[in-house]
Amino acid sequence: TIHCHGPACTCTLWPVIWAAKLDSQAATRCLQDGVATTGVSVAFSVLKCDAGPIFLQEETAVLEDEQAPELLDRLFIQGAQLLISNMQRVWSGEAAQLAQQQVEAEATHAAKLAKEEAQLNFQQPAGVLHNKVRAFARWPGTFAALAVSSSGSENGDKQQLQQQGQMQVKVLRSRLGDAAAEQVLQAAPAGQ
């Protein structure tokens, strides 16, 4: 949050379109939900949390492989530029006259993040997993439980695997698309 104190007001910059998601975890939840666009809002601060009248909003596309830290950095730069380019309107009082009250009924609550949400479940679609990796990149990160096995005795031409347990791995990045699928297929041994 960036605060700007004018002669009779305080402006707040939030890296989110307020009517879309409303909470400190909004950008993370937007990525998790796989939205195509998000944006920034410049609003006047009031005594109620996340409730001031909105002066400016500007949308931006969410990039396909963009992670939460990257998106937040980009949104804060975009929002700061939007606020700075309109400071004269804040100082003159024009911004306060143009600001629109938020419609609380249109807001969607963005729930607080929980570490348990970071566990990847490979029964879910690839898009859901990809969005989770992107959203939770800063905190808590995403984790997957992988079965650990080793080669057992050979039975004819087929080798049997013996499961030895599970290992937690942290997934730092993911990517969707045909190119990623082709790489997986090329890396797999023939017939598997």
Protein backbone atom coordinates (compact mmCIF):
# COMPACT_ATOMS: atom_id res chain seq x y z
CA THR A 1 0.00 0.00 0.00
CA ILE A 2 1.26 3.46 -0.89
CA HIS A 3 -0.18 6.39 1.04
CA CYS A 4 -0.23 9.93 -0.35
CA HIS A 5 -1.23 12.75 1.97
CA GLY A 6 -2.92 15.70 0.25
CA PRO A 7 -4.13 18.95 1.80
CA ALA A 8 -7.38 17.39 3.03
CA CYS A 9 -7.08 13.70 2.22
CA THR A 10 -5.05 10.54 2.19
CA CYS A 11 -4.95 8.44 -1.01
CA THR A 12 -4.21 4.74 -0.93
CA LEU A 13 -2.88 2.69 -3.82
CA TRP A 14 -3.90 -0.97 -3.90
CA PRO A 15 -2.55 -3.47 -6.43
CA VAL A 16 -6.01 -4.76 -7.32
CA ILE A 17 -9.25 -3.70 -8.96
CA TRP A 18 -11.26 -3.25 -5.78
CA ALA A 19 -14.62 -4.45 -7.00
CA ALA A 20 -13.05 -7.73 -8.13
CA LYS A 21 -11.23 -8.87 -4.99
CA LEU A 22 -11.09 -7.17 -1.64
CA ASP A 23 -8.35 -8.10 0.82
CA SER A 24 -4.61 -7.97 1.30
CA GLN A 25 -4.24 -11.30 -0.55
CA ALA A 26 -6.18 -10.13 -3.60
CA ALA A 27 -3.41 -10.37 -6.22
CA THR A 28 -2.51 -13.87 -5.01
CA ARG A 29 -6.12 -15.01 -5.19
CA CYS A 30 -6.52 -13.48 -8.67
CA LEU A 31 -3.60 -15.60 -9.90
CA GLN A 32 -4.96 -18.67 -8.16
CA ASP A 33 -8.33 -18.12 -9.85
CA GLY A 34 -6.61 -17.80 -13.24
CA VAL A 35 -8.02 -14.37 -14.08
CA ALA A 36 -6.94 -12.80 -17.37
CA THR A 37 -6.93 -9.21 -16.10
CA THR A 38 -6.40 -7.39 -12.83
CA GLY A 39 -5.29 -3.86 -12.12
CA VAL A 40 -4.76 -1.10 -9.61
CA SER A 41 -7.05 1.20 -7.68
CA VAL A 42 -6.33 4.62 -6.19
CA ALA A 43 -8.80 5.41 -3.44
CA PHE A 44 -9.24 7.88 -0.64
CA SER A 45 -8.59 6.40 2.79
CA VAL A 46 -11.38 6.25 5.35
CA LEU A 47 -11.53 4.80 8.84
CA LYS A 48 -13.03 1.53 7.58
CA CYS A 49 -10.62 -1.04 6.11
CA ASP A 50 -10.66 -1.37 2.29
CA ALA A 51 -13.58 1.02 1.96
CA GLY A 52 -12.61 4.45 0.62
CA PRO A 53 -14.12 6.08 -2.47
CA ILE A 54 -12.25 5.11 -5.63
CA PHE A 55 -10.65 7.89 -7.65
CA LEU A 56 -8.86 5.90 -10.35
CA GLN A 57 -8.68 2.34 -11.61
CA GLU A 58 -6.55 0.91 -14.37
CA GLU A 59 -6.64 -2.65 -15.68
CA THR A 60 -3.75 -4.75 -16.95
CA ALA A 61 -3.44 -8.20 -18.46
CA VAL A 62 -2.11 -11.00 -16.26
CA LEU A 63 0.74 -12.71 -18.08
CA GLU A 64 0.41 -16.48 -18.62
CA ASP A 65 3.41 -17.56 -16.50
CA GLU A 66 3.60 -14.51 -14.20
CA GLN A 67 4.02 -15.29 -10.51
CA ALA A 68 2.68 -13.30 -7.57
CA PRO A 69 5.93 -11.43 -6.74
CA GLU A 70 6.33 -10.36 -10.37
CA LEU A 71 2.69 -9.32 -10.68
CA LEU A 72 2.76 -7.32 -7.43
CA ASP A 73 5.93 -5.49 -8.48
CA ARG A 74 4.38 -4.62 -11.82
CA LEU A 75 1.10 -3.49 -10.23
CA PHE A 76 2.84 -1.24 -7.70
CA ILE A 77 4.84 0.43 -10.48
CA GLN A 78 1.69 0.86 -12.57
CA GLY A 79 -0.24 2.21 -9.59
CA ALA A 80 2.50 4.59 -8.51
CA GLN A 81 2.70 6.00 -12.06
CA LEU A 82 -1.09 6.38 -12.15
CA LEU A 83 -1.11 8.21 -8.81
CA ILE A 84 1.86 10.46 -9.66
CA SER A 85 0.39 11.44 -13.03
CA ASN A 86 -2.81 12.51 -11.25
CA MET A 87 -1.33 14.28 -8.20
CA GLN A 88 -2.39 17.72 -9.45
CA ARG A 89 -5.99 16.49 -9.43
CA VAL A 90 -5.55 15.27 -5.84
CA TRP A 91 -4.02 18.57 -4.69
CA SER A 92 -6.71 20.67 -6.41
CA GLY A 93 -9.58 18.72 -4.86
CA GLU A 94 -10.85 17.53 -8.25
CA ALA A 95 -10.05 13.91 -7.35
CA ALA A 96 -12.26 14.01 -4.26
CA GLN A 97 -15.15 15.32 -6.38
CA LEU A 98 -14.68 12.58 -9.01
CA ALA A 99 -14.20 9.68 -6.57
CA GLN A 100 -16.95 7.05 -6.57
CA GLN A 101 -18.11 5.15 -3.50
CA GLN A 102 -17.40 1.44 -3.62
CA VAL A 103 -20.35 -0.91 -3.89
CA GLU A 104 -19.56 -3.40 -1.13
CA ALA A 105 -22.10 -5.91 -2.48
CA GLU A 106 -19.95 -6.27 -5.64
CA ALA A 107 -16.75 -7.04 -3.73
CA THR A 108 -15.42 -10.58 -3.42
CA HIS A 109 -13.55 -11.46 -0.24
CA ALA A 110 -10.05 -12.82 -0.79
CA ALA A 111 -9.45 -15.22 2.10
CA LYS A 112 -6.22 -15.23 4.09
CA LEU A 113 -3.63 -17.67 2.76
CA ALA A 114 -3.06 -20.92 4.64
CA LYS A 115 0.06 -23.07 4.28
CA GLU A 116 -2.12 -26.17 3.80
CA GLU A 117 -3.37 -24.70 0.50
CA ALA A 118 0.17 -24.98 -0.90
CA GLN A 119 0.04 -28.79 -1.22
CA LEU A 120 -0.32 -29.80 -4.86
CA ASN A 121 -2.81 -32.56 -5.61
CA PHE A 122 -2.06 -34.15 -8.97
CA GLN A 123 -5.69 -35.29 -9.26
CA GLN A 124 -6.52 -31.63 -10.06
CA PRO A 125 -6.32 -30.27 -13.62
CA ALA A 126 -2.95 -28.94 -14.79
CA GLY A 127 -4.31 -25.38 -15.07
CA VAL A 128 -5.37 -25.39 -11.41
CA LEU A 129 -1.92 -26.62 -10.33
CA HIS A 130 -0.15 -24.08 -12.55
CA ASN A 131 -2.20 -21.22 -11.11
CA LYS A 132 -1.50 -22.40 -7.57
CA VAL A 133 2.27 -22.46 -8.21
CA ARG A 134 2.06 -18.92 -9.64
CA ALA A 135 -0.12 -17.59 -6.83
CA PHE A 136 1.80 -19.03 -3.88
CA ALA A 137 5.30 -18.29 -5.24
CA ARG A 138 6.11 -15.74 -2.53
CA TRP A 139 4.49 -17.50 0.42
CA PRO A 140 3.97 -20.27 1.30
CA GLY A 141 5.37 -21.80 -1.91
CA THR A 142 3.90 -24.99 -3.34
CA PHE A 143 4.81 -28.54 -2.37
CA ALA A 144 4.18 -31.95 -3.87
CA ALA A 145 4.48 -35.40 -2.32
CA LEU A 146 6.32 -37.75 -4.67
CA ALA A 147 6.63 -41.49 -4.25
CA VAL A 148 10.25 -42.59 -3.94
CA SER A 149 11.07 -45.95 -5.46
CA SER A 150 14.09 -47.90 -6.56
CA SER A 151 14.69 -50.62 -9.10
CA GLY A 152 13.92 -54.06 -7.78
CA SER A 153 14.70 -57.49 -9.20
CA GLU A 154 14.32 -58.06 -12.90
CA ASN A 155 11.46 -60.31 -13.95
CA GLY A 156 12.04 -61.17 -17.60
CA ASP A 157 12.34 -57.94 -19.58
CA LYS A 158 10.35 -55.92 -17.08
CA GLN A 159 11.90 -54.25 -14.09
CA GLN A 160 9.79 -53.97 -10.94
CA LEU A 161 9.91 -50.88 -8.75
CA GLN A 162 9.87 -51.05 -4.99
CA GLN A 163 8.28 -48.09 -3.25
CA GLN A 164 10.38 -46.75 -0.38
CA GLY A 165 8.21 -43.87 0.83
CA GLN A 166 7.37 -40.30 -0.01
CA MET A 167 9.41 -37.15 -0.43
CA GLN A 168 8.14 -33.57 -0.27
CA VAL A 169 9.48 -31.35 -3.06
CA LYS A 170 9.01 -27.63 -3.46
CA VAL A 171 7.72 -26.61 -6.89
CA LEU A 172 9.18 -23.24 -7.86
CA ARG A 173 7.78 -22.73 -11.37
CA SER A 174 5.37 -24.40 -13.73
CA ARG A 175 4.34 -23.90 -17.33
CA LEU A 176 1.37 -24.99 -19.39
CA GLY A 177 1.27 -25.69 -23.08
CA ASP A 178 2.12 -28.10 -25.82
CA ALA A 179 5.86 -27.36 -25.61
CA ALA A 180 5.98 -28.42 -21.95
CA ALA A 181 4.04 -31.63 -22.72
CA GLU A 182 6.41 -32.45 -25.58
CA GLN A 183 9.40 -32.05 -23.27
CA VAL A 184 7.88 -34.48 -20.76
CA LEU A 185 7.11 -36.99 -23.50
CA GLN A 186 10.62 -36.71 -24.92
CA ALA A 187 12.16 -37.26 -21.48
CA ALA A 188 10.10 -40.40 -20.76
CA PRO A 189 11.68 -43.76 -21.66
CA ALA A 190 10.19 -45.48 -24.71
CA GLY A 191 6.93 -47.31 -24.03
CA GLN A 192 6.05 -45.29 -20.91
